[in-house]
N, C-alpha and C. Protein backbone atom coordinates (compact mmCIF):
# COMPACT_ATOMS: atom_id res chain seq x y z
N UNK A 1 -102.79 -11.85 98.93
CA UNK A 1 -104.17 -11.86 98.00
C UNK A 1 -103.49 -12.10 96.60
N UNK A 2 -102.58 -11.14 96.77
CA UNK A 2 -102.13 -11.19 94.69
C UNK A 2 -101.36 -12.16 94.46
N UNK A 3 -101.13 -13.49 95.32
CA UNK A 3 -100.66 -14.43 94.71
C UNK A 3 -101.67 -15.26 94.02
N UNK A 4 -102.67 -15.19 94.83
CA UNK A 4 -103.81 -16.13 94.78
C UNK A 4 -103.96 -15.27 92.85
N UNK A 5 -104.73 -14.30 92.91
CA UNK A 5 -105.20 -13.50 91.63
C UNK A 5 -103.87 -13.84 90.87
N UNK A 6 -102.64 -13.52 90.94
CA UNK A 6 -102.16 -14.82 89.66
C UNK A 6 -102.17 -15.94 89.43
N UNK A 7 -102.24 -17.07 90.35
CA UNK A 7 -102.73 -18.12 89.92
C UNK A 7 -103.92 -18.25 89.31
N UNK A 8 -105.33 -17.95 90.10
CA UNK A 8 -106.34 -17.71 89.56
C UNK A 8 -106.21 -17.19 88.20
N UNK A 9 -105.86 -16.18 87.44
CA UNK A 9 -106.06 -15.72 86.07
C UNK A 9 -105.01 -16.69 85.22
N UNK A 10 -103.83 -17.38 85.75
CA UNK A 10 -102.99 -18.40 85.04
C UNK A 10 -103.73 -19.22 84.47
N UNK A 11 -104.52 -19.70 85.58
CA UNK A 11 -105.21 -20.90 85.48
C UNK A 11 -106.91 -20.49 84.43
N UNK A 12 -106.91 -19.69 84.48
CA UNK A 12 -108.51 -19.63 84.18
C UNK A 12 -108.37 -18.40 82.55
N UNK A 13 -107.23 -18.00 82.10
CA UNK A 13 -106.50 -17.41 81.08
C UNK A 13 -105.42 -17.96 80.26
N UNK A 14 -104.61 -18.43 80.92
CA UNK A 14 -103.53 -18.78 80.15
C UNK A 14 -103.31 -20.33 80.04
N UNK A 15 -103.66 -20.31 80.88
CA UNK A 15 -103.51 -22.30 80.75
C UNK A 15 -104.20 -22.90 79.55
N UNK A 16 -105.61 -22.73 79.48
CA UNK A 16 -106.35 -22.97 78.36
C UNK A 16 -105.39 -22.77 77.20
N UNK A 17 -104.72 -21.45 76.88
CA UNK A 17 -104.43 -20.97 75.88
C UNK A 17 -103.56 -22.07 75.33
N UNK A 18 -102.33 -22.15 76.36
CA UNK A 18 -101.56 -23.09 76.38
C UNK A 18 -101.85 -24.49 76.20
N UNK A 19 -102.63 -25.13 76.63
CA UNK A 19 -103.21 -26.04 76.43
C UNK A 19 -103.51 -26.53 74.79
N UNK A 20 -104.45 -25.50 74.12
CA UNK A 20 -104.69 -25.41 72.77
C UNK A 20 -103.42 -25.40 71.89
N UNK A 21 -103.01 -24.44 72.46
CA UNK A 21 -101.64 -24.39 71.20
C UNK A 21 -100.87 -25.83 71.29
N UNK A 22 -100.72 -26.09 72.65
CA UNK A 22 -100.02 -27.80 72.11
C UNK A 22 -100.54 -28.75 71.57
N UNK A 23 -101.81 -28.80 71.67
CA UNK A 23 -102.71 -29.55 71.12
C UNK A 23 -102.42 -29.31 69.53
N UNK A 24 -103.00 -28.26 69.17
CA UNK A 24 -102.74 -27.97 67.97
C UNK A 24 -101.28 -28.46 67.36
N UNK A 25 -100.00 -27.99 68.18
CA UNK A 25 -98.59 -28.34 67.15
C UNK A 25 -98.59 -29.73 67.19
N UNK A 26 -99.22 -30.77 68.34
CA UNK A 26 -99.19 -32.01 68.43
C UNK A 26 -99.91 -32.82 66.69
N UNK A 27 -101.02 -32.35 67.03
CA UNK A 27 -102.11 -32.71 65.95
C UNK A 27 -101.36 -32.28 64.41
N UNK A 28 -100.91 -31.03 64.19
CA UNK A 28 -100.25 -30.56 62.92
C UNK A 28 -98.98 -31.29 62.98
N UNK A 29 -98.06 -31.71 64.05
CA UNK A 29 -96.85 -32.94 63.74
C UNK A 29 -97.34 -34.10 63.26
N UNK A 30 -98.41 -34.62 63.89
CA UNK A 30 -98.89 -36.13 62.99
C UNK A 30 -99.80 -35.91 61.52
N UNK A 31 -100.13 -35.13 61.55
CA UNK A 31 -100.55 -34.67 60.47
C UNK A 31 -99.53 -34.69 58.97
N UNK A 32 -98.61 -33.80 59.55
CA UNK A 32 -97.53 -33.75 58.40
C UNK A 32 -96.89 -34.82 58.43
N UNK A 33 -96.39 -35.71 59.43
CA UNK A 33 -95.80 -36.85 59.49
C UNK A 33 -96.51 -37.68 58.22
N UNK A 34 -97.74 -38.03 58.76
CA UNK A 34 -99.02 -38.93 58.16
C UNK A 34 -98.70 -38.43 56.68
N UNK A 35 -98.58 -37.44 56.16
CA UNK A 35 -98.79 -36.90 54.93
C UNK A 35 -97.25 -37.19 54.29
N UNK A 36 -96.31 -36.70 54.90
CA UNK A 36 -95.02 -36.90 54.50
C UNK A 36 -94.90 -38.22 54.10
N UNK A 37 -95.30 -39.41 55.16
CA UNK A 37 -95.08 -41.05 54.39
C UNK A 37 -96.40 -41.23 53.65
N UNK A 38 -97.29 -40.75 53.23
CA UNK A 38 -97.76 -40.94 52.26
C UNK A 38 -97.61 -40.92 50.83
N UNK A 39 -96.89 -39.41 51.08
CA UNK A 39 -96.47 -38.90 49.65
C UNK A 39 -94.84 -39.81 49.44
N UNK A 40 -94.14 -40.41 50.25
CA UNK A 40 -92.68 -40.71 49.85
C UNK A 40 -93.41 -42.01 49.32
N UNK A 41 -94.29 -42.80 49.71
CA UNK A 41 -94.92 -44.06 49.30
C UNK A 41 -95.49 -43.77 47.91
N UNK A 42 -95.84 -42.88 48.00
CA UNK A 42 -96.52 -43.06 46.92
C UNK A 42 -95.28 -42.43 45.15
N UNK A 43 -94.69 -41.77 45.54
CA UNK A 43 -93.42 -41.19 45.25
C UNK A 43 -92.74 -42.84 44.61
N UNK A 44 -92.39 -43.47 45.81
CA UNK A 44 -91.93 -44.59 45.28
C UNK A 44 -92.47 -45.74 44.58
N UNK A 45 -93.75 -45.80 44.93
CA UNK A 45 -94.63 -46.41 43.60
C UNK A 45 -94.23 -45.89 42.09
N UNK A 46 -94.36 -44.74 42.21
CA UNK A 46 -94.65 -44.37 40.47
C UNK A 46 -93.11 -44.22 40.41
N UNK A 47 -92.57 -44.33 41.08
CA UNK A 47 -90.44 -44.50 40.47
C UNK A 47 -90.24 -45.72 39.77
N UNK A 48 -89.76 -45.74 38.76
CA UNK A 48 -89.10 -47.25 37.96
C UNK A 48 -88.13 -48.04 38.79
N UNK A 49 -88.22 -49.36 38.50
CA UNK A 49 -87.78 -50.35 39.50
C UNK A 49 -86.49 -50.65 38.87
N UNK A 50 -85.17 -49.95 39.26
CA UNK A 50 -83.99 -50.27 38.78
C UNK A 50 -83.05 -51.61 39.19
N UNK A 51 -82.28 -51.95 38.46
CA UNK A 51 -81.37 -52.84 38.74
C UNK A 51 -80.17 -52.42 38.62
N UNK A 52 -79.44 -52.25 39.63
CA UNK A 52 -78.03 -51.42 39.10
C UNK A 52 -76.68 -52.17 40.01
N UNK A 53 -75.49 -52.15 38.93
CA UNK A 53 -74.44 -52.78 40.18
C UNK A 53 -73.68 -51.53 41.11
N UNK A 54 -73.26 -52.16 42.15
CA UNK A 54 -73.22 -51.77 43.28
C UNK A 54 -72.02 -51.78 44.05
N UNK A 55 -71.45 -51.04 45.23
CA UNK A 55 -70.65 -51.89 45.88
C UNK A 55 -70.90 -51.51 47.37
N UNK A 56 -71.17 -52.34 48.35
CA UNK A 56 -71.65 -52.00 49.60
C UNK A 56 -70.38 -51.12 50.73
N UNK A 57 -70.72 -50.09 51.03
CA UNK A 57 -69.57 -49.59 51.17
C UNK A 57 -69.84 -49.26 53.05
N UNK A 58 -70.58 -49.31 53.55
CA UNK A 58 -71.51 -48.68 54.91
C UNK A 58 -72.40 -49.73 55.56
N UNK A 59 -72.58 -49.95 56.65
CA UNK A 59 -73.72 -50.80 57.38
C UNK A 59 -73.18 -49.98 58.96
N UNK A 60 -74.82 -49.86 58.85
CA UNK A 60 -74.88 -49.00 60.42
C UNK A 60 -76.10 -49.36 61.05
N UNK A 61 -76.41 -49.14 62.11
CA UNK A 61 -77.68 -49.97 62.84
C UNK A 61 -77.97 -48.73 63.81
N UNK A 62 -79.20 -48.01 64.41
CA UNK A 62 -79.47 -48.01 65.21
C UNK A 62 -80.65 -48.52 65.88
N UNK A 63 -80.49 -48.29 67.23
CA UNK A 63 -81.30 -49.29 68.45
C UNK A 63 -81.96 -48.21 69.09
N UNK A 64 -83.17 -48.12 69.37
CA UNK A 64 -84.22 -47.09 70.26
C UNK A 64 -84.87 -47.88 71.20
N UNK A 65 -84.99 -47.83 72.71
CA UNK A 65 -85.43 -48.08 73.70
C UNK A 65 -86.72 -47.19 74.14
N UNK A 66 -87.39 -47.89 74.69
CA UNK A 66 -88.45 -47.22 75.29
C UNK A 66 -88.91 -48.38 76.55
N UNK A 67 -89.28 -47.45 77.57
CA UNK A 67 -89.88 -48.05 78.54
C UNK A 67 -90.91 -47.56 79.31
N UNK A 68 -91.71 -48.25 80.16
CA UNK A 68 -92.61 -48.38 80.75
C UNK A 68 -92.64 -47.99 82.30
N UNK A 69 -92.57 -47.44 83.20
CA UNK A 69 -91.89 -47.11 84.71
C UNK A 69 -93.21 -47.77 85.36
N UNK A 70 -94.36 -48.51 84.77
CA UNK A 70 -95.57 -48.69 85.59
C UNK A 70 -95.11 -49.72 86.58
N UNK A 71 -96.42 -50.19 86.91
CA UNK A 71 -95.97 -51.66 87.80
C UNK A 71 -95.57 -52.88 87.17
N UNK A 72 -95.90 -52.89 86.02
CA UNK A 72 -95.10 -53.74 85.36
C UNK A 72 -93.94 -53.86 84.23
N UNK A 73 -93.35 -52.71 84.77
CA UNK A 73 -91.67 -52.95 84.04
C UNK A 73 -91.77 -53.17 82.56
N UNK A 74 -92.07 -52.76 81.49
CA UNK A 74 -92.13 -53.53 80.44
C UNK A 74 -91.39 -52.27 79.71
N UNK A 75 -90.32 -53.23 79.14
CA UNK A 75 -89.01 -52.20 77.74
C UNK A 75 -89.17 -52.81 76.57
N UNK A 76 -89.24 -51.74 76.18
CA UNK A 76 -89.15 -52.45 74.60
C UNK A 76 -87.61 -51.75 73.45
N UNK A 77 -87.08 -52.03 72.94
CA UNK A 77 -86.12 -51.94 72.14
C UNK A 77 -86.66 -52.32 70.76
N UNK A 78 -86.14 -51.44 69.71
CA UNK A 78 -86.21 -51.70 67.84
C UNK A 78 -84.85 -51.21 67.55
N UNK A 79 -84.77 -51.90 66.23
CA UNK A 79 -83.48 -51.59 65.79
C UNK A 79 -83.85 -51.49 64.25
N UNK A 80 -83.10 -50.18 63.79
CA UNK A 80 -82.90 -49.81 62.25
C UNK A 80 -81.72 -50.29 61.56
N UNK A 81 -82.15 -51.03 61.00
CA UNK A 81 -80.63 -51.59 59.78
C UNK A 81 -80.12 -50.51 58.84
N UNK A 82 -79.36 -49.98 58.27
CA UNK A 82 -79.11 -49.22 57.23
C UNK A 82 -77.49 -49.78 56.55
N UNK A 83 -78.16 -49.33 55.30
CA UNK A 83 -76.36 -50.11 54.43
C UNK A 83 -76.74 -48.74 53.45
N UNK A 84 -75.41 -48.39 53.24
CA UNK A 84 -75.11 -47.74 51.55
C UNK A 84 -74.25 -48.17 50.53
N UNK A 85 -74.53 -47.96 49.50
CA UNK A 85 -74.10 -48.76 48.59
C UNK A 85 -73.62 -47.57 47.66
N UNK A 86 -72.84 -47.84 47.15
CA UNK A 86 -71.92 -46.74 45.91
C UNK A 86 -72.28 -47.82 44.68
N UNK A 87 -72.65 -46.72 43.59
CA UNK A 87 -72.81 -46.90 42.26
C UNK A 87 -71.51 -46.79 41.41
N UNK A 88 -71.64 -47.04 40.31
CA UNK A 88 -70.73 -47.34 39.71
C UNK A 88 -70.06 -45.34 39.17
N UNK A 89 -70.92 -44.83 39.27
CA UNK A 89 -70.77 -43.37 38.93
C UNK A 89 -69.78 -42.83 40.08
N UNK A 90 -70.17 -43.61 41.55
CA UNK A 90 -69.38 -42.81 42.46
C UNK A 90 -70.24 -42.21 43.61
N UNK A 91 -71.64 -41.84 43.22
CA UNK A 91 -72.87 -41.68 43.97
C UNK A 91 -73.55 -42.65 44.60
N UNK A 92 -73.72 -42.43 46.15
CA UNK A 92 -74.26 -43.26 47.17
C UNK A 92 -75.63 -43.05 47.69
N UNK A 93 -76.07 -44.12 48.14
CA UNK A 93 -77.47 -44.20 48.66
C UNK A 93 -77.86 -44.81 49.87
N UNK A 94 -78.02 -44.60 50.59
CA UNK A 94 -78.46 -45.37 51.76
C UNK A 94 -79.82 -45.94 51.66
N UNK A 95 -80.21 -47.17 52.19
CA UNK A 95 -81.23 -47.81 52.06
C UNK A 95 -81.73 -48.63 53.58
N UNK A 96 -82.39 -48.42 54.05
CA UNK A 96 -83.36 -49.11 54.93
C UNK A 96 -83.77 -50.46 54.77
N UNK A 97 -82.70 -51.65 55.71
CA UNK A 97 -83.19 -52.77 55.49
C UNK A 97 -83.35 -53.94 56.44
N UNK A 98 -84.11 -55.05 56.11
CA UNK A 98 -84.08 -55.65 57.20
C UNK A 98 -83.23 -56.43 57.87
N UNK A 99 -83.17 -57.12 59.24
CA UNK A 99 -82.22 -57.52 59.76
C UNK A 99 -81.40 -58.69 59.46
N UNK A 100 -81.92 -59.35 58.93
CA UNK A 100 -82.21 -60.36 57.82
C UNK A 100 -80.93 -60.14 56.76
N UNK A 101 -81.58 -59.63 55.86
CA UNK A 101 -80.46 -58.88 54.68
C UNK A 101 -79.09 -58.02 55.68
N UNK A 102 -79.21 -57.50 56.50
CA UNK A 102 -78.24 -56.81 57.03
C UNK A 102 -77.09 -57.70 57.60
N UNK A 103 -77.54 -58.69 58.04
CA UNK A 103 -76.35 -59.68 58.58
C UNK A 103 -75.86 -60.22 57.31
N UNK A 104 -76.59 -60.49 56.00
CA UNK A 104 -75.99 -61.24 55.23
C UNK A 104 -74.78 -60.33 54.40
N UNK A 105 -75.55 -59.26 54.41
CA UNK A 105 -74.20 -58.06 53.45
C UNK A 105 -73.25 -58.21 54.38
N UNK A 106 -71.83 -57.56 53.69
CA UNK A 106 -70.78 -57.33 54.13
C UNK A 106 -70.20 -56.01 53.22
N UNK A 107 -69.38 -55.12 54.21
CA UNK A 107 -68.66 -54.15 53.56
C UNK A 107 -67.91 -54.48 52.75
N UNK A 108 -67.86 -54.14 51.27
CA UNK A 108 -67.03 -54.62 50.40
C UNK A 108 -67.51 -55.69 49.21
N UNK A 109 -68.45 -56.06 49.73
CA UNK A 109 -69.87 -56.79 48.39
C UNK A 109 -69.93 -56.06 47.38
N UNK A 110 -69.91 -56.59 46.52
CA UNK A 110 -69.94 -56.31 44.68
C UNK A 110 -71.24 -56.99 44.18
N UNK A 111 -72.30 -56.28 43.54
CA UNK A 111 -73.42 -57.17 43.16
C UNK A 111 -74.45 -56.22 42.31
N UNK A 112 -75.57 -56.90 41.91
CA UNK A 112 -76.65 -55.82 41.77
C UNK A 112 -77.90 -55.50 42.92
N UNK A 113 -77.85 -53.83 42.84
CA UNK A 113 -78.92 -53.47 43.97
C UNK A 113 -80.37 -53.56 42.89
N UNK A 114 -81.37 -54.33 43.39
CA UNK A 114 -82.99 -53.56 42.90
C UNK A 114 -83.38 -52.34 43.84
N UNK A 115 -83.87 -51.33 43.03
CA UNK A 115 -84.52 -50.35 44.20
C UNK A 115 -85.50 -49.80 43.53
N UNK A 116 -86.45 -49.12 44.68
CA UNK A 116 -87.40 -48.25 43.61
C UNK A 116 -87.88 -47.43 44.56
N UNK A 117 -87.14 -45.91 43.82
CA UNK A 117 -87.47 -44.77 44.58
C UNK A 117 -86.48 -44.52 46.07
N UNK A 118 -86.86 -44.94 47.37
CA UNK A 118 -86.23 -45.00 47.88
C UNK A 118 -86.41 -45.84 48.95
N UNK A 119 -87.30 -46.78 48.31
CA UNK A 119 -87.56 -48.08 48.92
C UNK A 119 -86.23 -49.59 48.62
N UNK A 120 -85.74 -50.31 49.26
CA UNK A 120 -84.62 -51.23 48.77
C UNK A 120 -85.56 -52.49 48.72
N UNK A 121 -85.47 -53.10 47.28
CA UNK A 121 -85.70 -54.52 46.82
C UNK A 121 -85.19 -55.61 47.36
N UNK A 122 -84.03 -55.60 46.55
CA UNK A 122 -82.91 -56.83 47.07
C UNK A 122 -81.61 -56.49 46.79
N UNK A 123 -80.36 -57.28 46.78
CA UNK A 123 -78.98 -57.21 46.84
C UNK A 123 -78.49 -58.38 46.15
N UNK A 124 -77.97 -58.83 44.97
CA UNK A 124 -77.93 -60.09 44.72
C UNK A 124 -76.06 -60.16 44.43
N UNK A 125 -75.53 -60.95 45.53
CA UNK A 125 -74.01 -60.44 45.20
C UNK A 125 -73.49 -60.82 43.99
N UNK A 126 -72.50 -60.56 43.89
CA UNK A 126 -71.62 -61.41 42.63
C UNK A 126 -70.56 -62.27 43.02
N UNK A 127 -70.27 -63.24 42.35
CA UNK A 127 -69.37 -64.28 43.12
C UNK A 127 -68.48 -64.51 42.35
């Protein structure tokens, strides 16, 4: 009888509290991520658009996979492409670029980088 009492009290009192806390944490995370994204977008829009001489010093990509193991076995992959540029001052910045830009750029390329805040705009290679 004591085991039934434990399970009854757990599902009656403890489970709803845990469920509400988990819901609040998930909702809070979504809200924080949304405001963080809006803040970065706004900061980029208010930053000056700069064009500076740089050298491409590194490239990297990150592929993420998601799977749905329902009856239809769906798989989804997405790849993010990142390029690190070094300014004449020696400072470095990494930008997310499109797959097409990633494919065109090579480590050691020199040219002019145009960016606005953390937003990559373009790279024009010196020939």
